[in-house]
Amino acid sequence: MSNDTEFKEVFNGWYFLGVLVVLLALPLMHILAGWYVFFFSN
C-alpha cells in the first residue's frame, strides 16, 4: 500500500508541474509566435 500511495503522490506532483508548465508555456508561445510573424512580415 505504501508503494501505491507514493506512486499517487509522485503522479500528482508531476501532474501539477505539467499544468504549471502548460500555463506558463501557452502565453510564451503566443508571444514567440507574435514576434515571429512580426519579424518575417516586414
N, C-alpha and C. Protein backbone atom coordinates (compact mmCIF):
# COMPACT_ATOMS: atom_id res chain seq x y z
N MET A 1 0.84 -1.21 0.00
CA MET A 1 0.00 0.00 0.00
C MET A 1 0.87 1.26 0.00
N SER A 2 2.03 1.19 0.66
CA SER A 2 2.89 2.37 0.72
C SER A 2 3.38 2.73 -0.68
N ASN A 3 3.71 1.70 -1.50
CA ASN A 3 4.16 1.98 -2.85
C ASN A 3 3.06 2.63 -3.67
N ASP A 4 1.83 2.21 -3.47
CA ASP A 4 0.71 2.76 -4.22
C ASP A 4 0.52 4.24 -3.86
N THR A 5 0.59 4.57 -2.58
CA THR A 5 0.41 5.96 -2.17
C THR A 5 1.57 6.82 -2.68
N GLU A 6 2.79 6.28 -2.63
CA GLU A 6 3.94 7.03 -3.14
C GLU A 6 3.79 7.29 -4.63
N PHE A 7 3.32 6.29 -5.36
CA PHE A 7 3.11 6.46 -6.80
C PHE A 7 2.09 7.57 -7.06
N LYS A 8 1.02 7.57 -6.27
CA LYS A 8 -0.01 8.60 -6.46
C LYS A 8 0.55 9.99 -6.15
N GLU A 9 1.36 10.10 -5.08
CA GLU A 9 1.94 11.39 -4.73
C GLU A 9 2.88 11.88 -5.84
N VAL A 10 3.70 10.98 -6.36
CA VAL A 10 4.62 11.36 -7.45
C VAL A 10 3.82 11.76 -8.68
N PHE A 11 2.78 10.98 -9.00
CA PHE A 11 1.96 11.29 -10.17
C PHE A 11 1.30 12.65 -10.01
N ASN A 12 0.77 12.94 -8.83
CA ASN A 12 0.14 14.23 -8.59
C ASN A 12 1.16 15.36 -8.69
N GLY A 13 2.38 15.12 -8.22
CA GLY A 13 3.43 16.13 -8.30
C GLY A 13 3.79 16.42 -9.75
N TRP A 14 3.98 15.38 -10.56
CA TRP A 14 4.30 15.58 -11.98
C TRP A 14 3.12 16.20 -12.72
N TYR A 15 1.89 15.82 -12.35
CA TYR A 15 0.70 16.40 -12.98
C TYR A 15 0.64 17.90 -12.67
N PHE A 16 0.93 18.26 -11.41
CA PHE A 16 0.93 19.67 -11.01
C PHE A 16 2.00 20.44 -11.78
N LEU A 17 3.20 19.87 -11.89
CA LEU A 17 4.28 20.52 -12.64
C LEU A 17 3.90 20.67 -14.10
N GLY A 18 3.25 19.64 -14.66
CA GLY A 18 2.84 19.69 -16.06
C GLY A 18 1.84 20.81 -16.30
N VAL A 19 0.90 20.97 -15.37
CA VAL A 19 -0.09 22.05 -15.50
C VAL A 19 0.61 23.41 -15.45
N LEU A 20 1.55 23.57 -14.53
CA LEU A 20 2.27 24.84 -14.42
C LEU A 20 3.04 25.13 -15.70
N VAL A 21 3.71 24.11 -16.24
CA VAL A 21 4.49 24.30 -17.47
C VAL A 21 3.58 24.70 -18.62
N VAL A 22 2.42 24.05 -18.73
CA VAL A 22 1.49 24.37 -19.82
C VAL A 22 0.96 25.79 -19.66
N LEU A 23 0.58 26.16 -18.45
CA LEU A 23 0.05 27.51 -18.22
C LEU A 23 1.10 28.57 -18.51
N LEU A 24 2.37 28.28 -18.19
CA LEU A 24 3.43 29.23 -18.47
C LEU A 24 3.82 29.23 -19.94
N ALA A 25 3.71 28.08 -20.60
CA ALA A 25 4.15 27.96 -21.99
C ALA A 25 3.15 28.57 -22.97
N LEU A 26 1.85 28.49 -22.67
CA LEU A 26 0.85 28.99 -23.61
C LEU A 26 1.04 30.47 -23.92
N PRO A 27 1.11 31.37 -22.93
CA PRO A 27 1.33 32.79 -23.26
C PRO A 27 2.68 33.03 -23.91
N LEU A 28 3.71 32.28 -23.50
CA LEU A 28 5.03 32.45 -24.11
C LEU A 28 4.99 32.04 -25.57
N MET A 29 4.25 30.98 -25.90
CA MET A 29 4.14 30.54 -27.29
C MET A 29 3.44 31.60 -28.12
N HIS A 30 2.42 32.25 -27.56
CA HIS A 30 1.73 33.31 -28.29
C HIS A 30 2.68 34.49 -28.53
N ILE A 31 3.48 34.83 -27.52
CA ILE A 31 4.43 35.94 -27.66
C ILE A 31 5.47 35.60 -28.72
N LEU A 32 6.04 34.39 -28.66
CA LEU A 32 7.04 33.99 -29.64
C LEU A 32 6.46 33.96 -31.04
N ALA A 33 5.23 33.44 -31.17
CA ALA A 33 4.58 33.39 -32.48
C ALA A 33 4.33 34.80 -32.99
N GLY A 34 3.94 35.71 -32.10
CA GLY A 34 3.70 37.10 -32.50
C GLY A 34 4.97 37.76 -33.00
N TRP A 35 6.08 37.57 -32.28
CA TRP A 35 7.35 38.14 -32.72
C TRP A 35 7.79 37.51 -34.05
N TYR A 36 7.59 36.20 -34.19
CA TYR A 36 7.97 35.51 -35.42
C TYR A 36 7.23 36.11 -36.61
N VAL A 37 5.92 36.28 -36.48
CA VAL A 37 5.12 36.85 -37.57
C VAL A 37 5.51 38.30 -37.80
N PHE A 38 5.78 39.04 -36.72
CA PHE A 38 6.14 40.46 -36.84
C PHE A 38 7.44 40.63 -37.62
N PHE A 39 8.46 39.84 -37.29
CA PHE A 39 9.75 39.98 -37.95
C PHE A 39 9.69 39.54 -39.41
N PHE A 40 9.01 38.43 -39.70
CA PHE A 40 9.01 37.89 -41.06
C PHE A 40 7.96 38.53 -41.96
N SER A 41 7.06 39.34 -41.37
CA SER A 41 6.06 40.00 -42.21
C SER A 41 6.60 41.33 -42.74
N ASN A 42 7.68 41.84 -42.13
CA ASN A 42 8.25 43.11 -42.60
C ASN A 42 9.28 42.90 -43.70
